[in-house]
PDB file of N, CA and C in Angstrom:
ATOM      1  N   UNK A   1     137.212  80.223  82.516  1.00  0.00           N
ATOM      2  CA  UNK A   1     135.831  80.613  82.337  1.00  0.00           C
ATOM      3  C   UNK A   1     135.761  82.131  82.234  1.00  0.00           C
ATOM      4  N   UNK A   2     135.039  82.623  81.271  1.00  0.00           N
ATOM      5  CA  UNK A   2     134.971  84.063  81.054  1.00  0.00           C
ATOM      6  C   UNK A   2     133.816  84.667  81.831  1.00  0.00           C
ATOM      7  N   UNK A   3     133.989  85.901  82.245  1.00  0.00           N
ATOM      8  CA  UNK A   3     132.941  86.582  82.992  1.00  0.00           C
ATOM      9  C   UNK A   3     131.904  87.174  82.034  1.00  0.00           C
ATOM     10  N   UNK A   4     130.792  87.623  82.582  1.00  0.00           N
ATOM     11  CA  UNK A   4     129.717  88.194  81.767  1.00  0.00           C
ATOM     12  C   UNK A   4     130.179  89.473  81.084  1.00  0.00           C
ATOM     13  N   UNK A   5     131.022  90.259  81.742  1.00  0.00           N
ATOM     14  CA  UNK A   5     131.515  91.500  81.148  1.00  0.00           C
ATOM     15  C   UNK A   5     132.392  91.215  79.941  1.00  0.00           C
ATOM     16  N   UNK A   6     133.210  90.127  80.031  1.00  0.00           N
ATOM     17  CA  UNK A   6     134.055  89.778  78.898  1.00  0.00           C
ATOM     18  C   UNK A   6     133.222  89.296  77.727  1.00  0.00           C
ATOM     19  N   UNK A   7     132.166  88.548  77.993  1.00  0.00           N
ATOM     20  CA  UNK A   7     131.304  88.040  76.940  1.00  0.00           C
ATOM     21  C   UNK A   7     130.585  89.188  76.248  1.00  0.00           C
ATOM     22  N   UNK A   8     130.170  90.193  77.009  1.00  0.00           N
ATOM     23  CA  UNK A   8     129.443  91.332  76.447  1.00  0.00           C
ATOM     24  C   UNK A   8     130.369  92.309  75.739  1.00  0.00           C
ATOM     25  N   UNK A   9     131.648  92.153  75.877  1.00  0.00           N
ATOM     26  CA  UNK A   9     132.561  93.053  75.200  1.00  0.00           C
ATOM     27  C   UNK A   9     133.254  94.010  76.154  1.00  0.00           C
ATOM     28  N   UNK A  10     133.331  93.694  77.392  1.00  0.00           N
ATOM     29  CA  UNK A  10     134.034  94.526  78.359  1.00  0.00           C
ATOM     30  C   UNK A  10     133.072  95.199  79.323  1.00  0.00           C
ATOM     31  N   UNK A  11     133.659  95.799  80.352  1.00  0.00           N
ATOM     32  CA  UNK A  11     132.856  96.450  81.385  1.00  0.00           C
ATOM     33  C   UNK A  11     132.169  97.701  80.869  1.00  0.00           C
ATOM     34  N   UNK A  12     132.728  98.313  79.807  1.00  0.00           N
ATOM     35  CA  UNK A  12     132.141  99.540  79.264  1.00  0.00           C
ATOM     36  C   UNK A  12     130.757  99.318  78.667  1.00  0.00           C
ATOM     37  N   UNK A  13     130.475  98.119  78.226  1.00  0.00           N
ATOM     38  CA  UNK A  13     129.174  97.857  77.592  1.00  0.00           C
ATOM     39  C   UNK A  13     128.125  97.392  78.590  1.00  0.00           C
ATOM     40  N   UNK A  14     128.504  97.239  79.854  1.00  0.00           N
ATOM     41  CA  UNK A  14     127.556  96.814  80.879  1.00  0.00           C
ATOM     42  C   UNK A  14     126.551  97.924  81.167  1.00  0.00           C
ATOM     43  N   UNK A  15     125.268  97.581  81.342  1.00  0.00           N
ATOM     44  CA  UNK A  15     124.277  98.622  81.659  1.00  0.00           C
ATOM     45  C   UNK A  15     124.552  99.328  82.983  1.00  0.00           C
ATOM     46  N   UNK A  16     125.252  98.658  83.900  1.00  0.00           N
ATOM     47  CA  UNK A  16     125.539  99.243  85.205  1.00  0.00           C
ATOM     48  C   UNK A  16     126.831 100.042  85.213  1.00  0.00           C
ATOM     49  N   UNK A  17     127.513 100.098  84.063  1.00  0.00           N
ATOM     50  CA  UNK A  17     128.787 100.812  84.000  1.00  0.00           C
ATOM     51  C   UNK A  17     128.577 102.296  84.281  1.00  0.00           C
ATOM     52  N   UNK A  18     129.316 102.820  85.225  1.00  0.00           N
ATOM     53  CA  UNK A  18     129.335 104.251  85.536  1.00  0.00           C
ATOM     54  C   UNK A  18     127.968 104.781  85.988  1.00  0.00           C
ATOM     55  N   UNK A  19     127.177 103.951  86.660  1.00  0.00           N
ATOM     56  CA  UNK A  19     125.832 104.386  87.064  1.00  0.00           C
ATOM     57  C   UNK A  19     125.880 105.448  88.149  1.00  0.00           C
ATOM     58  N   UNK A  20     126.912 105.416  88.994  1.00  0.00           N
ATOM     59  CA  UNK A  20     126.992 106.425  90.048  1.00  0.00           C
ATOM     60  C   UNK A  20     127.163 107.824  89.460  1.00  0.00           C
ATOM     61  N   UNK A  21     128.035 107.937  88.471  1.00  0.00           N
ATOM     62  CA  UNK A  21     128.279 109.244  87.859  1.00  0.00           C
ATOM     63  C   UNK A  21     127.042 109.732  87.114  1.00  0.00           C
ATOM     64  N   UNK A  22     126.350 108.820  86.445  1.00  0.00           N
ATOM     65  CA  UNK A  22     125.132 109.201  85.727  1.00  0.00           C
ATOM     66  C   UNK A  22     124.047 109.653  86.703  1.00  0.00           C
ATOM     67  N   UNK A  23     123.912 108.930  87.811  1.00  0.00           N
ATOM     68  CA  UNK A  23     122.912 109.294  88.813  1.00  0.00           C
ATOM     69  C   UNK A  23     123.247 110.640  89.446  1.00  0.00           C
ATOM     70  N   UNK A  24     124.509 110.854  89.752  1.00  0.00           N
ATOM     71  CA  UNK A  24     124.916 112.129  90.346  1.00  0.00           C
ATOM     72  C   UNK A  24     124.665 113.280  89.376  1.00  0.00           C
ATOM     73  N   UNK A  25     124.949 113.064  88.096  1.00  0.00           N
ATOM     74  CA  UNK A  25     124.712 114.116  87.110  1.00  0.00           C
ATOM     75  C   UNK A  25     123.221 114.446  86.994  1.00  0.00           C
ATOM     76  N   UNK A  26     122.365 113.421  87.011  1.00  0.00           N
ATOM     77  CA  UNK A  26     120.918 113.664  86.956  1.00  0.00           C
ATOM     78  C   UNK A  26     120.433 114.375  88.209  1.00  0.00           C
ATOM     79  N   UNK A  27     120.981 113.986  89.348  1.00  0.00           N
ATOM     80  CA  UNK A  27     120.601 114.604  90.616  1.00  0.00           C
ATOM     81  C   UNK A  27     120.988 116.076  90.637  1.00  0.00           C
ATOM     82  N   UNK A  28     122.216 116.371  90.230  1.00  0.00           N
ATOM     83  CA  UNK A  28     122.669 117.763  90.203  1.00  0.00           C
ATOM     84  C   UNK A  28     121.904 118.571  89.164  1.00  0.00           C
ATOM     85  N   UNK A  29     121.585 117.971  88.033  1.00  0.00           N
ATOM     86  CA  UNK A  29     120.808 118.662  87.007  1.00  0.00           C
ATOM     87  C   UNK A  29     119.411 118.998  87.521  1.00  0.00           C
ATOM     88  N   UNK A  30     118.844 118.104  88.330  1.00  0.00           N
ATOM     89  CA  UNK A  30     117.513 118.345  88.884  1.00  0.00           C
ATOM     90  C   UNK A  30     117.516 119.589  89.763  1.00  0.00           C
ATOM     91  N   UNK A  31     118.537 119.739  90.609  1.00  0.00           N
ATOM     92  CA  UNK A  31     118.572 120.865  91.530  1.00  0.00           C
ATOM     93  C   UNK A  31     119.149 122.138  90.920  1.00  0.00           C
ATOM     94  N   UNK A  32     119.999 121.992  89.909  1.00  0.00           N
ATOM     95  CA  UNK A  32     120.610 123.173  89.311  1.00  0.00           C
ATOM     96  C   UNK A  32     119.996 123.522  87.967  1.00  0.00           C
ATOM     97  N   UNK A  33     119.075 122.708  87.511  1.00  0.00           N
ATOM     98  CA  UNK A  33     118.448 122.940  86.217  1.00  0.00           C
ATOM     99  C   UNK A  33     117.420 124.054  86.284  1.00  0.00           C
ATOM    100  N   UNK A  34     116.545 124.085  85.321  1.00  0.00           N
ATOM    101  CA  UNK A  34     115.538 125.141  85.248  1.00  0.00           C
ATOM    102  C   UNK A  34     114.613 125.082  86.454  1.00  0.00           C
ATOM    103  N   UNK A  35     114.396 126.198  87.057  1.00  0.00           N
ATOM    104  CA  UNK A  35     113.524 126.257  88.221  1.00  0.00           C
ATOM    105  C   UNK A  35     114.265 126.140  89.526  1.00  0.00           C
ATOM    106  N   UNK A  36     115.401 125.486  89.524  1.00  0.00           N
ATOM    107  CA  UNK A  36     116.244 125.370  90.705  1.00  0.00           C
ATOM    108  C   UNK A  36     115.516 124.805  91.910  1.00  0.00           C
ATOM    109  N   UNK A  37     115.690 125.475  93.036  1.00  0.00           N
ATOM    110  CA  UNK A  37     115.136 124.971  94.286  1.00  0.00           C
ATOM    111  C   UNK A  37     113.612 125.033  94.308  1.00  0.00           C
ATOM    112  N   UNK A  38     113.020 125.962  93.559  1.00  0.00           N
ATOM    113  CA  UNK A  38     111.554 126.029  93.527  1.00  0.00           C
ATOM    114  C   UNK A  38     110.976 124.751  92.922  1.00  0.00           C
ATOM    115  N   UNK A  39     111.619 124.253  91.868  1.00  0.00           N
ATOM    116  CA  UNK A  39     111.185 123.001  91.244  1.00  0.00           C
ATOM    117  C   UNK A  39     111.327 121.843  92.229  1.00  0.00           C
ATOM    118  N   UNK A  40     112.440 121.830  92.959  1.00  0.00           N
ATOM    119  CA  UNK A  40     112.663 120.770  93.945  1.00  0.00           C
ATOM    120  C   UNK A  40     111.634 120.860  95.068  1.00  0.00           C
ATOM    121  N   UNK A  41     111.324 122.071  95.516  1.00  0.00           N
ATOM    122  CA  UNK A  41     110.335 122.244  96.575  1.00  0.00           C
ATOM    123  C   UNK A  41     108.954 121.793  96.112  1.00  0.00           C
ATOM    124  N   UNK A  42     108.583 122.167  94.889  1.00  0.00           N
ATOM    125  CA  UNK A  42     107.290 121.737  94.353  1.00  0.00           C
ATOM    126  C   UNK A  42     107.213 120.218  94.268  1.00  0.00           C
ATOM    127  N   UNK A  43     108.275 119.598  93.799  1.00  0.00           N
ATOM    128  CA  UNK A  43     108.307 118.138  93.698  1.00  0.00           C
ATOM    129  C   UNK A  43     108.187 117.499  95.076  1.00  0.00           C
ATOM    130  N   UNK A  44     108.879 118.087  96.048  1.00  0.00           N
ATOM    131  CA  UNK A  44     108.808 117.573  97.411  1.00  0.00           C
ATOM    132  C   UNK A  44     107.387 117.672  97.959  1.00  0.00           C
ATOM    133  N   UNK A  45     106.731 118.801  97.746  1.00  0.00           N
ATOM    134  CA  UNK A  45     105.376 118.980  98.257  1.00  0.00           C
ATOM    135  C   UNK A  45     104.382 118.036  97.569  1.00  0.00           C
ATOM    136  N   UNK A  46     104.578 117.779  96.284  1.00  0.00           N
ATOM    137  CA  UNK A  46     103.712 116.830  95.581  1.00  0.00           C
ATOM    138  C   UNK A  46     103.921 115.426  96.133  1.00  0.00           C
ATOM    139  N   UNK A  47     105.179 115.041  96.375  1.00  0.00           N
ATOM    140  CA  UNK A  47     105.450 113.725  96.965  1.00  0.00           C
ATOM    141  C   UNK A  47     104.848 113.631  98.366  1.00  0.00           C
ATOM    142  N   UNK A  48     104.939 114.704  99.123  1.00  0.00           N
ATOM    143  CA  UNK A  48     104.362 114.729 100.459  1.00  0.00           C
ATOM    144  C   UNK A  48     102.847 114.539 100.379  1.00  0.00           C
ATOM    145  N   UNK A  49     102.201 115.166  99.394  1.00  0.00           N
ATOM    146  CA  UNK A  49     100.773 114.983  99.195  1.00  0.00           C
ATOM    147  C   UNK A  49     100.433 113.557  98.813  1.00  0.00           C
ATOM    148  N   UNK A  50     101.260 112.931  97.979  1.00  0.00           N
ATOM    149  CA  UNK A  50     101.030 111.534  97.607  1.00  0.00           C
ATOM    150  C   UNK A  50     101.123 110.611  98.813  1.00  0.00           C
ATOM    151  N   UNK A  51     102.092 110.860  99.675  1.00  0.00           N
ATOM    152  CA  UNK A  51     102.242 110.058 100.889  1.00  0.00           C
ATOM    153  C   UNK A  51     101.045 110.263 101.810  1.00  0.00           C
ATOM    154  N   UNK A  52     100.591 111.497 101.920  1.00  0.00           N
ATOM    155  CA  UNK A  52      99.428 111.805 102.752  1.00  0.00           C
ATOM    156  C   UNK A  52      98.187 111.060 102.254  1.00  0.00           C
ATOM    157  N   UNK A  53      97.953 111.107 100.948  1.00  0.00           N
ATOM    158  CA  UNK A  53      96.788 110.419 100.380  1.00  0.00           C
ATOM    159  C   UNK A  53      96.902 108.915 100.604  1.00  0.00           C
ATOM    160  N   UNK A  54      98.087 108.360 100.376  1.00  0.00           N
ATOM    161  CA  UNK A  54      98.279 106.921 100.554  1.00  0.00           C
ATOM    162  C   UNK A  54      98.025 106.503 101.996  1.00  0.00           C
ATOM    163  N   UNK A  55      98.548 107.251 102.948  1.00  0.00           N
ATOM    164  CA  UNK A  55      98.356 106.871 104.356  1.00  0.00           C
ATOM    165  C   UNK A  55      96.892 106.945 104.764  1.00  0.00           C
ATOM    166  N   UNK A  56      96.157 107.931 104.256  1.00  0.00           N
ATOM    167  CA  UNK A  56      94.751 108.045 104.624  1.00  0.00           C
ATOM    168  C   UNK A  56      93.900 106.978 103.932  1.00  0.00           C
ATOM    169  N   UNK A  57      94.261 106.607 102.721  1.00  0.00           N
ATOM    170  CA  UNK A  57      93.541 105.518 102.055  1.00  0.00           C
ATOM    171  C   UNK A  57      93.767 104.212 102.807  1.00  0.00           C
ATOM    172  N   UNK A  58      94.984 103.980 103.264  1.00  0.00           N
ATOM    173  CA  UNK A  58      95.270 102.774 104.055  1.00  0.00           C
ATOM    174  C   UNK A  58      94.457 102.784 105.349  1.00  0.00           C
ATOM    175  N   UNK A  59      94.369 103.938 106.001  1.00  0.00           N
ATOM    176  CA  UNK A  59      93.554 104.032 107.216  1.00  0.00           C
ATOM    177  C   UNK A  59      92.093 103.716 106.934  1.00  0.00           C
ATOM    178  N   UNK A  60      91.566 104.213 105.797  1.00  0.00           N
ATOM    179  CA  UNK A  60      90.172 103.923 105.443  1.00  0.00           C
ATOM    180  C   UNK A  60      89.962 102.439 105.175  1.00  0.00           C
ATOM    181  N   UNK A  61      90.890 101.813 104.477  1.00  0.00           N
ATOM    182  CA  UNK A  61      90.775 100.381 104.191  1.00  0.00           C
ATOM    183  C   UNK A  61      90.842  99.567 105.490  1.00  0.00           C
ATOM    184  N   UNK A  62      91.748  99.949 106.386  1.00  0.00           N
ATOM    185  CA  UNK A  62      91.843  99.251 107.666  1.00  0.00           C
ATOM    186  C   UNK A  62      90.581  99.443 108.501  1.00  0.00           C
ATOM    187  N   UNK A  63      90.005 100.623 108.454  1.00  0.00           N
ATOM    188  CA  UNK A  63      88.760 100.880 109.173  1.00  0.00           C
ATOM    189  C   UNK A  63      87.640  99.992 108.635  1.00  0.00           C
ATOM    190  N   UNK A  64      87.548  99.878 107.312  1.00  0.00           N
ATOM    191  CA  UNK A  64      86.525  99.018 106.713  1.00  0.00           C
ATOM    192  C   UNK A  64      86.768  97.556 107.052  1.00  0.00           C
ATOM    193  N   UNK A  65      88.024  97.121 107.034  1.00  0.00           N
ATOM    194  CA  UNK A  65      88.344  95.730 107.373  1.00  0.00           C
ATOM    195  C   UNK A  65      88.012  95.441 108.830  1.00  0.00           C
ATOM    196  N   UNK A  66      88.323  96.386 109.719  1.00  0.00           N
ATOM    197  CA  UNK A  66      88.021  96.196 111.134  1.00  0.00           C
ATOM    198  C   UNK A  66      86.513  96.095 111.366  1.00  0.00           C
ATOM    199  N   UNK A  67      85.757  96.984 110.722  1.00  0.00           N
ATOM    200  CA  UNK A  67      84.301  96.935 110.869  1.00  0.00           C
ATOM    201  C   UNK A  67      83.738  95.620 110.340  1.00  0.00           C
ATOM    202  N   UNK A  68      84.284  95.146 109.240  1.00  0.00           N
ATOM    203  CA  UNK A  68      83.836  93.877 108.670  1.00  0.00           C
ATOM    204  C   UNK A  68      84.144  92.714 109.623  1.00  0.00           C
ATOM    205  N   UNK A  69      85.317  92.735 110.228  1.00  0.00           N
ATOM    206  CA  UNK A  69      85.667  91.677 111.183  1.00  0.00           C
ATOM    207  C   UNK A  69      84.769  91.709 112.420  1.00  0.00           C
ATOM    208  N   UNK A  70      84.450  92.904 112.902  1.00  0.00           N
ATOM    209  CA  UNK A  70      83.546  93.007 114.053  1.00  0.00           C
ATOM    210  C   UNK A  70      82.152  92.486 113.705  1.00  0.00           C
ATOM    211  N   UNK A  71      81.701  92.754 112.489  1.00  0.00           N
ATOM    212  CA  UNK A  71      80.390  92.248 112.076  1.00  0.00           C
ATOM    213  C   UNK A  71      80.404  90.720 111.989  1.00  0.00           C
ATOM    214  N   UNK A  72      81.480  90.152 111.466  1.00  0.00           N
ATOM    215  CA  UNK A  72      81.581  88.696 111.401  1.00  0.00           C
ATOM    216  C   UNK A  72      81.649  88.092 112.799  1.00  0.00           C
ATOM    217  N   UNK A  73      82.375  88.739 113.698  1.00  0.00           N
ATOM    218  CA  UNK A  73      82.460  88.259 115.073  1.00  0.00           C
ATOM    219  C   UNK A  73      81.098  88.327 115.752  1.00  0.00           C
ATOM    220  N   UNK A  74      80.345  89.381 115.482  1.00  0.00           N
ATOM    221  CA  UNK A  74      79.009  89.515 116.063  1.00  0.00           C
ATOM    222  C   UNK A  74      78.093  88.415 115.552  1.00  0.00           C
ATOM    223  N   UNK A  75      78.227  88.041 114.292  1.00  0.00           N
ATOM    224  CA  UNK A  75      77.410  86.956 113.751  1.00  0.00           C
ATOM    225  C   UNK A  75      77.774  85.612 114.369  1.00  0.00           C
ATOM    226  N   UNK A  76      79.056  85.376 114.568  1.00  0.00           N
ATOM    227  CA  UNK A  76      79.501  84.093 115.124  1.00  0.00           C
ATOM    228  C   UNK A  76      79.156  83.950 116.597  1.00  0.00           C
ATOM    229  N   UNK A  77      79.209  85.041 117.340  1.00  0.00           N
ATOM    230  CA  UNK A  77      78.972  84.970 118.783  1.00  0.00           C
ATOM    231  C   UNK A  77      77.537  85.309 119.159  1.00  0.00           C
ATOM    232  N   UNK A  78      76.711  85.646 118.165  1.00  0.00           N
ATOM    233  CA  UNK A  78      75.319  86.042 118.404  1.00  0.00           C
ATOM    234  C   UNK A  78      75.235  87.229 119.360  1.00  0.00           C
ATOM    235  N   UNK A  79      76.217  88.098 119.275  1.00  0.00           N
ATOM    236  CA  UNK A  79      76.270  89.279 120.127  1.00  0.00           C
ATOM    237  C   UNK A  79      76.071  90.503 119.232  1.00  0.00           C
ATOM    238  N   UNK A  80      75.334  91.509 119.661  1.00  0.00           N
ATOM    239  CA  UNK A  80      75.167  92.702 118.832  1.00  0.00           C
ATOM    240  C   UNK A  80      76.494  93.435 118.653  1.00  0.00           C
ATOM    241  N   UNK A  81      76.609  94.125 117.527  1.00  0.00           N
ATOM    242  CA  UNK A  81      77.860  94.817 117.218  1.00  0.00           C
ATOM    243  C   UNK A  81      78.176  95.859 118.275  1.00  0.00           C
ATOM    244  N   UNK A  82      77.163  96.570 118.784  1.00  0.00           N
ATOM    245  CA  UNK A  82      77.433  97.570 119.809  1.00  0.00           C
ATOM    246  C   UNK A  82      77.884  96.928 121.116  1.00  0.00           C
ATOM    247  N   UNK A  83      77.608  95.645 121.303  1.00  0.00           N
ATOM    248  CA  UNK A  83      78.094  94.929 122.477  1.00  0.00           C
ATOM    249  C   UNK A  83      79.567  94.609 122.400  1.00  0.00           C
ATOM    250  N   UNK A  84      80.144  94.725 121.214  1.00  0.00           N
ATOM    251  CA  UNK A  84      81.569  94.462 121.027  1.00  0.00           C
ATOM    252  C   UNK A  84      82.402  95.717 121.224  1.00  0.00           C
ATOM    253  N   UNK A  85      81.789  96.801 121.636  1.00  0.00           N
ATOM    254  CA  UNK A  85      82.498  98.067 121.788  1.00  0.00           C
ATOM    255  C   UNK A  85      83.662  98.001 122.738  1.00  0.00           C
ATOM    256  N   UNK A  86      83.575  97.142 123.751  1.00  0.00           N
ATOM    257  CA  UNK A  86      84.674  97.010 124.690  1.00  0.00           C
ATOM    258  C   UNK A  86      85.931  96.462 124.047  1.00  0.00           C
ATOM    259  N   UNK A  87      85.771  95.691 122.973  1.00  0.00           N
ATOM    260  CA  UNK A  87      86.945  95.151 122.284  1.00  0.00           C
ATOM    261  C   UNK A  87      87.679  96.226 121.501  1.00  0.00           C
ATOM    262  N   UNK A  88      86.945  97.171 120.962  1.00  0.00           N
ATOM    263  CA  UNK A  88      87.546  98.191 120.107  1.00  0.00           C
ATOM    264  C   UNK A  88      88.028  99.391 120.904  1.00  0.00           C
ATOM    265  N   UNK A  89      87.387  99.670 122.015  1.00  0.00           N
ATOM    266  CA  UNK A  89      87.774 100.828 122.812  1.00  0.00           C
ATOM    267  C   UNK A  89      87.482 102.123 122.079  1.00  0.00           C
ATOM    268  N   UNK A  90      88.382 103.085 122.214  1.00  0.00           N
ATOM    269  CA  UNK A  90      88.195 104.390 121.585  1.00  0.00           C
ATOM    270  C   UNK A  90      88.416 104.347 120.082  1.00  0.00           C
ATOM    271  N   UNK A  91      89.061 103.317 119.586  1.00  0.00           N
ATOM    272  CA  UNK A  91      89.324 103.240 118.154  1.00  0.00           C
ATOM    273  C   UNK A  91      88.039 103.108 117.347  1.00  0.00           C
ATOM    274  N   UNK A  92      86.992 102.572 117.949  1.00  0.00           N
ATOM    275  CA  UNK A  92      85.730 102.397 117.248  1.00  0.00           C
ATOM    276  C   UNK A  92      85.104 103.745 116.916  1.00  0.00           C
ATOM    277  N   UNK A  93      85.490 104.785 117.664  1.00  0.00           N
ATOM    278  CA  UNK A  93      84.918 106.110 117.447  1.00  0.00           C
ATOM    279  C   UNK A  93      85.459 106.784 116.191  1.00  0.00           C
ATOM    280  N   UNK A  94      86.604 106.307 115.693  1.00  0.00           N
ATOM    281  CA  UNK A  94      87.182 106.927 114.496  1.00  0.00           C
ATOM    282  C   UNK A  94      86.312 106.575 113.293  1.00  0.00           C
ATOM    283  N   UNK A  95      85.778 107.596 112.682  1.00  0.00           N
ATOM    284  CA  UNK A  95      84.874 107.393 111.554  1.00  0.00           C
ATOM    285  C   UNK A  95      85.581 107.763 110.254  1.00  0.00           C
ATOM    286  N   UNK A  96      85.016 107.294 109.172  1.00  0.00           N
ATOM    287  CA  UNK A  96      85.566 107.600 107.853  1.00  0.00           C
ATOM    288  C   UNK A  96      85.545 109.105 107.588  1.00  0.00           C
ATOM    289  N   UNK A  97      84.557 109.783 108.134  1.00  0.00           N
ATOM    290  CA  UNK A  97      84.472 111.229 107.936  1.00  0.00           C
ATOM    291  C   UNK A  97      85.661 111.948 108.569  1.00  0.00           C
ATOM    292  N   UNK A  98      86.111 111.463 109.705  1.00  0.00           N
ATOM    293  CA  UNK A  98      87.258 112.068 110.383  1.00  0.00           C
ATOM    294  C   UNK A  98      88.515 111.914 109.527  1.00  0.00           C
ATOM    295  N   UNK A  99      88.688 110.737 108.965  1.00  0.00           N
ATOM    296  CA  UNK A  99      89.854 110.489 108.113  1.00  0.00           C
ATOM    297  C   UNK A  99      89.796 111.369 106.873  1.00  0.00           C
ATOM    298  N   UNK A 100      88.619 111.478 106.275  1.00  0.00           N
ATOM    299  CA  UNK A 100      88.466 112.308 105.075  1.00  0.00           C
ATOM    300  C   UNK A 100      88.719 113.781 105.394  1.00  0.00           C
ATOM    301  N   UNK A 101      88.269 114.245 106.541  1.00  0.00           N
ATOM    302  CA  UNK A 101      88.497 115.634 106.949  1.00  0.00           C
ATOM    303  C   UNK A 101      89.985 115.911 107.139  1.00  0.00           C
ATOM    304  N   UNK A 102      90.690 114.969 107.792  1.00  0.00           N
ATOM    305  CA  UNK A 102      92.132 115.135 107.973  1.00  0.00           C
ATOM    306  C   UNK A 102      92.853 115.154 106.626  1.00  0.00           C
ATOM    307  N   UNK A 103      92.412 114.312 105.703  1.00  0.00           N
ATOM    308  CA  UNK A 103      93.017 114.281 104.376  1.00  0.00           C
ATOM    309  C   UNK A 103      92.815 115.607 103.647  1.00  0.00           C
ATOM    310  N   UNK A 104      91.601 116.126 103.691  1.00  0.00           N
ATOM    311  CA  UNK A 104      91.336 117.405 103.022  1.00  0.00           C
ATOM    312  C   UNK A 104      92.121 118.546 103.649  1.00  0.00           C
ATOM    313  N   UNK A 105      92.223 118.548 104.970  1.00  0.00           N
ATOM    314  CA  UNK A 105      93.013 119.586 105.639  1.00  0.00           C
ATOM    315  C   UNK A 105      94.472 119.523 105.197  1.00  0.00           C
ATOM    316  N   UNK A 106      95.008 118.314 105.111  1.00  0.00           N
ATOM    317  CA  UNK A 106      96.396 118.159 104.669  1.00  0.00           C
ATOM    318  C   UNK A 106      96.598 118.579 103.230  1.00  0.00           C
ATOM    319  N   UNK A 107      95.656 118.226 102.357  1.00  0.00           N
ATOM    320  CA  UNK A 107      95.785 118.585 100.948  1.00  0.00           C
ATOM    321  C   UNK A 107      95.613 120.084 100.734  1.00  0.00           C
ATOM    322  N   UNK A 108      94.780 120.725 101.554  1.00  0.00           N
ATOM    323  CA  UNK A 108      94.606 122.173 101.430  1.00  0.00           C
ATOM    324  C   UNK A 108      95.857 122.936 101.853  1.00  0.00           C
ATOM    325  N   UNK A 109      96.737 122.303 102.616  1.00  0.00           N
ATOM    326  CA  UNK A 109      97.967 122.974 103.034  1.00  0.00           C
ATOM    327  C   UNK A 109      99.010 123.010 101.913  1.00  0.00           C
ATOM    328  N   UNK A 110      98.812 122.228 100.850  1.00  0.00           N
ATOM    329  CA  UNK A 110      99.745 122.218  99.720  1.00  0.00           C
ATOM    330  C   UNK A 110      99.305 123.290  98.729  1.00  0.00           C
ATOM    331  N   UNK A 111     100.185 124.200  98.365  1.00  0.00           N
ATOM    332  CA  UNK A 111      99.806 125.249  97.403  1.00  0.00           C
ATOM    333  C   UNK A 111      99.381 124.648  96.071  1.00  0.00           C
ATOM    334  N   UNK A 112      98.343 125.206  95.474  1.00  0.00           N
ATOM    335  CA  UNK A 112      97.801 124.687  94.225  1.00  0.00           C
ATOM    336  C   UNK A 112      98.815 124.799  93.090  1.00  0.00           C
ATOM    337  N   UNK A 113      99.717 125.770  93.175  1.00  0.00           N
ATOM    338  CA  UNK A 113     100.724 125.946  92.128  1.00  0.00           C
ATOM    339  C   UNK A 113     101.644 124.718  92.045  1.00  0.00           C
ATOM    340  N   UNK A 114     101.914 124.092  93.198  1.00  0.00           N
ATOM    341  CA  UNK A 114     102.773 122.915  93.217  1.00  0.00           C
ATOM    342  C   UNK A 114     102.125 121.752  92.495  1.00  0.00           C
ATOM    343  N   UNK A 115     100.859 121.586  92.696  1.00  0.00           N
ATOM    344  CA  UNK A 115     100.149 120.454  92.109  1.00  0.00           C
ATOM    345  C   UNK A 115      99.891 120.682  90.629  1.00  0.00           C
ATOM    346  N   UNK A 116      99.613 121.914  90.244  1.00  0.00           N
ATOM    347  CA  UNK A 116      99.264 122.183  88.861  1.00  0.00           C
ATOM    348  C   UNK A 116     100.458 122.106  87.921  1.00  0.00           C
ATOM    349  N   UNK A 117     101.654 122.271  88.427  1.00  0.00           N
ATOM    350  CA  UNK A 117     102.866 122.258  87.581  1.00  0.00           C
ATOM    351  C   UNK A 117     103.496 120.888  87.484  1.00  0.00           C
ATOM    352  N   UNK A 118     103.124 119.966  88.329  1.00  0.00           N
ATOM    353  CA  UNK A 118     103.811 118.672  88.320  1.00  0.00           C
ATOM    354  C   UNK A 118     103.227 117.739  87.297  1.00  0.00           C
TER     355      UNK A 118
END
């Protein structure tokens, strides 16, 4: 029985052939290419900003889901929403405005030059 590489014409024609060397060459070109470490730093800061935005959006979605669940629980138990405060504890105090403020503070820490060049 012949292998897939033999059917395709040998290991040289495989898409995965020599992928480590190609990846290493691209990686080294990224850091040693035009812009050097400044380009890498800008890319890192942009990725950091993307992670920051994603985490805060997830927090906002979770906050909305939690509030929706508390409202449904209040309807089922005929208890006012403010009466459910003991279930949420201090977490109920976290407002969407607080999350948005933290997001803006984090985004303001990223230099505008990094974002404008990416």
